[in-house]
Amino acid sequence: MGDPIGKQKEWPELIWEFRELCDRYDGRTVFYEIGPHEVHLYLDLGLTFLKLGEEACVSLDTFTLEGTGRKGLRNTRNKLEKEGFILEILSPDKVPSRLPELKAVSDAWLSQKNTREKGFSLGFFSEEYLKRCPIAIVKKERQVVGFANLWMGADKEEISVDLMRYHPEAPSGLMDYIFLGLMLRAKEQGYRWFNLGMAPLSGLEERTPATLWNRLGAFIYRHGEHFYNLQGLRQYKNKFDPEWRPKYLACPGGLSIPSTLTNIASLISGGMKGVVTK
């Protein structure tokens, strides 16, 4: 998942090592959610590209709650603060003692959404995993009503959340409240970007010259609201004025593409049953 982790000059060797490892075990070389900057490295492996969607990244250098355009976000934050909600960051050593509270929130969220845990590219509740991360909690009168674990990028380049859960009885705007609080704190600490995550199938062209995948993805994006609120997800993230960055799947081409997509969907959903159900 993603581009290699490490110095960029070492990427070519890391990519080829992964390819050789896949070949050794009769596997299929697939890179999921890679960026657009070093595409030639994957082309050298003979891989085919499919656009998965776009990632929303907010520039913290220019982010502010000032001005008429941010009145709605500003009002949401002020309203929840007046109602007594507080955002607090737990360091990893403080997380274990709060895990029962976080699990209660997570279980209530899953029950209300009538869904089960996913995996791979989507955050999921794992105590061993959460113990390794700083966690933002929102509480009122000492009761936790929402939380999100944090990914802190190297050299303060980027900060993001992975798993975000909130209690069904939490007030509307709680997600905004968490994002805004984290963005403002990250800006104070000198971080450059806040990553809001993917808008799947966003930015695909439905025009005739486009690839079949692009046309199919664009059609689902425009007309698949009954199954998943794809356009609504992009609209939600747009209110933070992000920069949209394309994300791709690099995989063997031809007839192996459908099975690759099926394998990825199964991996994320925890099995084929999860692909066709919540």
Protein backbone atom coordinates (compact mmCIF):
# COMPACT_ATOMS: atom_id res chain seq x y z
CA MET A 1 0.00 0.00 0.00
CA GLY A 2 1.42 3.36 -1.05
CA ASP A 3 4.80 4.38 -2.41
CA PRO A 4 7.97 3.02 -0.74
CA ILE A 5 8.87 4.44 2.66
CA GLY A 6 12.38 5.87 2.76
CA LYS A 7 14.65 8.25 0.90
CA GLN A 8 13.42 8.83 -2.63
CA LYS A 9 16.76 7.88 -4.17
CA GLU A 10 16.27 4.40 -2.72
CA TRP A 11 12.78 3.93 -4.21
CA PRO A 12 13.90 2.18 -7.45
CA GLU A 13 15.76 -0.53 -5.56
CA LEU A 14 12.93 -0.99 -3.04
CA ILE A 15 10.35 -1.32 -5.83
CA TRP A 16 12.43 -3.91 -7.66
CA GLU A 17 13.08 -5.85 -4.44
CA PHE A 18 9.34 -6.05 -3.87
CA ARG A 19 8.80 -7.23 -7.46
CA GLU A 20 11.44 -9.96 -7.02
CA LEU A 21 9.88 -11.04 -3.72
CA CYS A 22 6.47 -11.37 -5.39
CA ASP A 23 7.98 -13.41 -8.23
CA ARG A 24 9.80 -15.70 -5.79
CA TYR A 25 6.53 -16.66 -4.10
CA ASP A 26 4.50 -16.77 -7.34
CA GLY A 27 2.62 -13.62 -6.31
CA ARG A 28 1.28 -10.67 -8.23
CA THR A 29 3.04 -7.29 -7.94
CA VAL A 30 0.46 -4.65 -6.98
CA PHE A 31 0.94 -1.15 -5.58
CA TYR A 32 -2.21 0.42 -4.13
CA GLU A 33 -2.77 4.18 -3.67
CA ILE A 34 0.51 5.45 -5.10
CA GLY A 35 1.14 9.07 -6.01
CA PRO A 36 1.79 10.61 -9.44
CA HIS A 37 5.37 11.80 -8.97
CA GLU A 38 7.45 8.70 -9.72
CA VAL A 39 5.18 6.90 -12.17
CA HIS A 40 8.09 5.91 -14.41
CA LEU A 41 9.49 3.66 -11.67
CA TYR A 42 6.39 1.48 -11.85
CA LEU A 43 6.20 1.66 -15.63
CA ASP A 44 9.70 0.16 -15.72
CA LEU A 45 8.18 -2.94 -14.08
CA GLY A 46 5.66 -3.22 -16.92
CA LEU A 47 2.70 -2.37 -14.70
CA THR A 48 -0.62 -0.84 -15.79
CA PHE A 49 -2.13 2.21 -14.07
CA LEU A 50 -5.71 2.73 -12.91
CA LYS A 51 -6.76 5.94 -11.21
CA LEU A 52 -8.43 5.18 -7.87
CA GLY A 53 -9.53 8.69 -6.97
CA GLU A 54 -8.07 11.79 -5.37
CA GLU A 55 -6.63 12.59 -1.95
CA ALA A 56 -7.49 15.82 -0.13
CA CYS A 57 -4.56 17.67 1.47
CA VAL A 58 -5.01 20.97 3.32
CA SER A 59 -2.13 23.44 3.27
CA LEU A 60 -1.68 24.43 6.90
CA ASP A 61 0.47 27.42 5.96
CA THR A 62 -2.64 29.18 4.66
CA PHE A 63 -5.37 27.46 6.70
CA THR A 64 -7.40 29.79 8.89
CA LEU A 65 -10.86 30.10 10.41
CA GLU A 66 -10.97 33.80 9.67
CA GLY A 67 -13.16 35.32 6.95
CA THR A 68 -16.77 34.95 5.78
CA GLY A 69 -15.98 31.75 3.85
CA ARG A 70 -15.16 29.94 7.09
CA LYS A 71 -18.13 31.24 9.08
CA GLY A 72 -19.88 27.85 9.13
CA LEU A 73 -16.82 25.99 10.40
CA ARG A 74 -16.11 28.74 12.93
CA ASN A 75 -19.69 28.56 14.24
CA THR A 76 -19.53 24.78 14.58
CA ARG A 77 -16.36 24.97 16.64
CA ASN A 78 -17.66 27.77 18.86
CA LYS A 79 -21.00 25.99 19.41
CA LEU A 80 -19.43 22.72 20.59
CA GLU A 81 -16.96 24.54 22.84
CA LYS A 82 -19.82 26.46 24.46
CA GLU A 83 -21.61 23.15 25.05
CA GLY A 84 -18.57 21.92 26.98
CA PHE A 85 -16.83 19.66 24.47
CA ILE A 86 -13.03 19.53 24.71
CA LEU A 87 -10.41 18.13 22.34
CA GLU A 88 -7.48 16.42 24.04
CA ILE A 89 -4.43 14.60 22.61
CA LEU A 90 -3.37 11.40 24.38
CA SER A 91 0.27 10.40 24.04
CA PRO A 92 0.78 6.66 23.29
CA ASP A 93 1.67 5.89 26.93
CA LYS A 94 -1.72 7.27 28.05
CA VAL A 95 -3.74 5.25 25.52
CA PRO A 96 -3.88 1.78 27.21
CA SER A 97 -5.86 3.03 30.22
CA ARG A 98 -8.44 4.67 27.92
CA LEU A 99 -8.94 1.74 25.54
CA PRO A 100 -12.17 0.50 27.22
CA GLU A 101 -13.75 3.92 26.64
CA LEU A 102 -12.56 4.05 23.04
CA LYS A 103 -13.85 0.53 22.35
CA ALA A 104 -17.27 1.45 23.73
CA VAL A 105 -17.45 4.37 21.29
CA SER A 106 -16.19 2.21 18.42
CA ASP A 107 -18.70 -0.59 19.11
CA ALA A 108 -21.57 1.89 19.29
CA TRP A 109 -20.46 3.45 15.97
CA LEU A 110 -20.29 0.04 14.24
CA SER A 111 -23.69 -0.94 15.61
CA GLN A 112 -25.31 2.31 14.51
CA LYS A 113 -23.80 2.03 11.01
CA ASN A 114 -24.80 -1.66 10.85
CA THR A 115 -21.37 -2.56 9.53
CA ARG A 116 -18.29 -4.53 10.53
CA GLU A 117 -14.60 -3.74 10.68
CA LYS A 118 -12.72 -3.34 7.41
CA GLY A 119 -8.94 -3.48 6.96
CA PHE A 120 -5.83 -2.83 4.86
CA SER A 121 -6.39 0.70 3.50
CA LEU A 122 -9.18 1.53 5.99
CA GLY A 123 -8.65 2.09 9.69
CA PHE A 124 -9.98 -0.55 12.08
CA PHE A 125 -10.10 -0.95 15.83
CA SER A 126 -7.09 -2.90 17.11
CA GLU A 127 -5.83 -2.33 20.62
CA GLU A 128 -2.24 -3.28 19.77
CA TYR A 129 -2.27 -0.83 16.85
CA LEU A 130 -3.89 2.05 18.73
CA LYS A 131 -1.35 1.76 21.56
CA ARG A 132 1.33 2.88 19.10
CA CYS A 133 -0.34 6.18 18.12
CA PRO A 134 -1.21 9.50 19.68
CA ILE A 135 -5.00 9.68 19.89
CA ALA A 136 -7.25 12.73 19.77
CA ILE A 137 -10.32 12.36 21.99
CA VAL A 138 -13.34 14.61 22.32
CA LYS A 139 -14.96 14.52 25.72
CA LYS A 140 -17.71 16.25 27.64
CA GLU A 141 -17.80 16.06 31.42
CA ARG A 142 -15.07 13.38 31.29
CA GLN A 143 -17.08 11.15 28.93
CA VAL A 144 -15.41 10.32 25.60
CA VAL A 145 -17.79 10.85 22.66
CA GLY A 146 -15.33 10.56 19.75
CA PHE A 147 -11.72 9.79 18.91
CA ALA A 148 -9.19 9.57 16.08
CA ASN A 149 -5.68 8.15 16.02
CA LEU A 150 -2.96 10.30 14.46
CA TRP A 151 -0.27 9.65 11.89
CA MET A 152 2.58 12.12 12.39
CA GLY A 153 4.74 12.46 9.28
CA ALA A 154 8.50 12.80 9.37
CA ASP A 155 10.04 16.30 9.39
CA LYS A 156 6.57 17.73 10.11
CA GLU A 157 5.66 17.36 6.44
CA GLU A 158 2.19 15.92 6.99
CA ILE A 159 -0.28 14.83 9.65
CA SER A 160 -3.36 12.69 9.16
CA VAL A 161 -5.95 10.57 10.97
CA ASP A 162 -6.58 6.90 10.25
CA LEU A 163 -9.42 5.57 12.39
CA MET A 164 -12.12 8.06 13.39
CA ARG A 165 -15.15 6.98 15.41
CA TYR A 166 -17.83 8.88 17.32
CA HIS A 167 -20.81 7.89 19.48
CA PRO A 168 -24.21 7.88 17.71
CA GLU A 169 -25.50 10.37 20.29
CA ALA A 170 -22.65 12.82 19.61
CA PRO A 171 -23.78 16.23 18.31
CA SER A 172 -23.73 17.04 14.62
CA GLY A 173 -20.49 18.68 13.55
CA LEU A 174 -18.29 16.56 15.80
CA MET A 175 -16.13 15.40 12.87
CA ASP A 176 -15.64 19.03 11.83
CA TYR A 177 -14.72 19.88 15.41
CA ILE A 178 -12.05 17.16 15.51
CA PHE A 179 -10.58 18.08 12.12
CA LEU A 180 -10.50 21.80 12.89
CA GLY A 181 -8.89 21.31 16.28
CA LEU A 182 -6.22 19.03 14.82
CA MET A 183 -5.49 21.34 11.89
CA LEU A 184 -5.02 24.37 14.11
CA ARG A 185 -2.77 22.47 16.54
CA ALA A 186 -0.74 20.96 13.71
CA LYS A 187 -0.31 24.43 12.20
CA GLU A 188 0.98 25.76 15.54
CA GLN A 189 3.47 22.88 15.68
CA GLY A 190 4.83 23.68 12.21
CA TYR A 191 3.27 20.89 10.11
CA ARG A 192 2.86 21.72 6.40
CA TRP A 193 -0.10 19.54 5.37
CA PHE A 194 -3.16 17.91 6.88
CA ASN A 195 -4.25 14.85 4.91
CA LEU A 196 -8.04 14.31 4.85
CA GLY A 197 -7.78 11.03 2.94
CA MET A 198 -9.24 9.74 -0.29
CA ALA A 199 -12.37 10.55 -2.25
CA PRO A 200 -12.70 7.23 -4.15
CA LEU A 201 -13.32 7.43 -7.93
CA SER A 202 -13.14 11.23 -7.78
CA GLY A 203 -11.57 12.93 -10.81
CA LEU A 204 -12.19 10.13 -13.33
CA GLU A 205 -13.28 11.15 -16.83
CA GLU A 206 -16.45 9.70 -18.39
CA ARG A 207 -15.62 10.89 -21.92
CA THR A 208 -15.36 8.48 -24.84
CA PRO A 209 -11.52 8.52 -25.27
CA ALA A 210 -11.04 7.62 -21.59
CA THR A 211 -10.20 4.04 -20.61
CA LEU A 212 -13.01 1.63 -19.80
CA TRP A 213 -11.98 1.76 -16.11
CA ASN A 214 -12.18 5.57 -16.07
CA ARG A 215 -15.59 5.58 -17.74
CA LEU A 216 -16.94 2.89 -15.40
CA GLY A 217 -15.50 4.60 -12.32
CA ALA A 218 -16.84 8.00 -13.38
CA PHE A 219 -20.28 6.49 -13.99
CA ILE A 220 -20.32 4.89 -10.51
CA TYR A 221 -19.10 8.16 -8.99
CA ARG A 222 -21.89 10.15 -10.63
CA HIS A 223 -24.75 7.67 -10.36
CA GLY A 224 -23.89 5.34 -7.48
CA GLU A 225 -25.23 7.48 -4.63
CA HIS A 226 -27.72 4.74 -3.73
CA PHE A 227 -24.81 2.49 -2.72
CA TYR A 228 -22.18 4.92 -1.46
CA ASN A 229 -22.15 8.68 -1.03
CA LEU A 230 -19.05 9.27 -3.16
CA GLN A 231 -19.90 12.79 -4.32
CA GLY A 232 -21.00 13.73 -0.81
CA LEU A 233 -17.63 12.61 0.57
CA ARG A 234 -15.77 14.90 -1.82
CA GLN A 235 -18.15 17.78 -1.10
CA TYR A 236 -17.60 17.33 2.63
CA LYS A 237 -13.82 17.52 2.28
CA ASN A 238 -14.04 20.44 -0.16
CA LYS A 239 -15.23 22.79 2.58
CA PHE A 240 -11.70 22.71 4.01
CA ASP A 241 -10.34 23.98 0.64
CA PRO A 242 -7.88 21.12 0.08
CA GLU A 243 -5.47 20.48 -2.74
CA TRP A 244 -6.63 17.36 -4.59
CA ARG A 245 -3.91 14.85 -5.50
CA PRO A 246 -4.47 11.80 -7.76
CA LYS A 247 -3.91 8.29 -6.42
CA TYR A 248 -3.33 5.22 -8.59
CA LEU A 249 -3.27 1.46 -8.63
CA ALA A 250 -0.26 -0.06 -10.40
CA CYS A 251 -0.73 -3.72 -11.30
CA PRO A 252 -0.22 -6.25 -14.12
CA GLY A 253 -2.49 -5.44 -17.06
CA GLY A 254 -4.81 -7.43 -19.27
CA LEU A 255 -7.05 -10.17 -17.97
CA SER A 256 -5.46 -10.09 -14.49
CA ILE A 257 -6.98 -6.66 -13.70
CA PRO A 258 -10.47 -7.93 -12.66
CA SER A 259 -9.00 -10.54 -10.31
CA THR A 260 -6.60 -7.95 -8.86
CA LEU A 261 -9.49 -5.59 -8.11
CA THR A 262 -11.48 -8.45 -6.57
CA ASN A 263 -8.50 -9.45 -4.41
CA ILE A 264 -8.07 -5.87 -3.15
CA ALA A 265 -11.78 -5.51 -2.37
CA SER A 266 -11.67 -8.80 -0.46
CA LEU A 267 -8.55 -7.72 1.45
CA ILE A 268 -10.16 -4.44 2.52
CA SER A 269 -13.50 -6.05 3.40
CA GLY A 270 -12.08 -9.01 5.32
CA GLY A 271 -13.19 -11.62 2.80
CA MET A 272 -15.54 -11.95 -0.14
CA LYS A 273 -18.58 -11.89 2.14
CA GLY A 274 -17.64 -8.39 3.21
CA VAL A 275 -17.44 -7.25 -0.44
CA VAL A 276 -21.16 -7.82 -1.01
CA THR A 277 -22.38 -6.90 2.48
CA LYS A 278 -21.62 -4.17 4.99
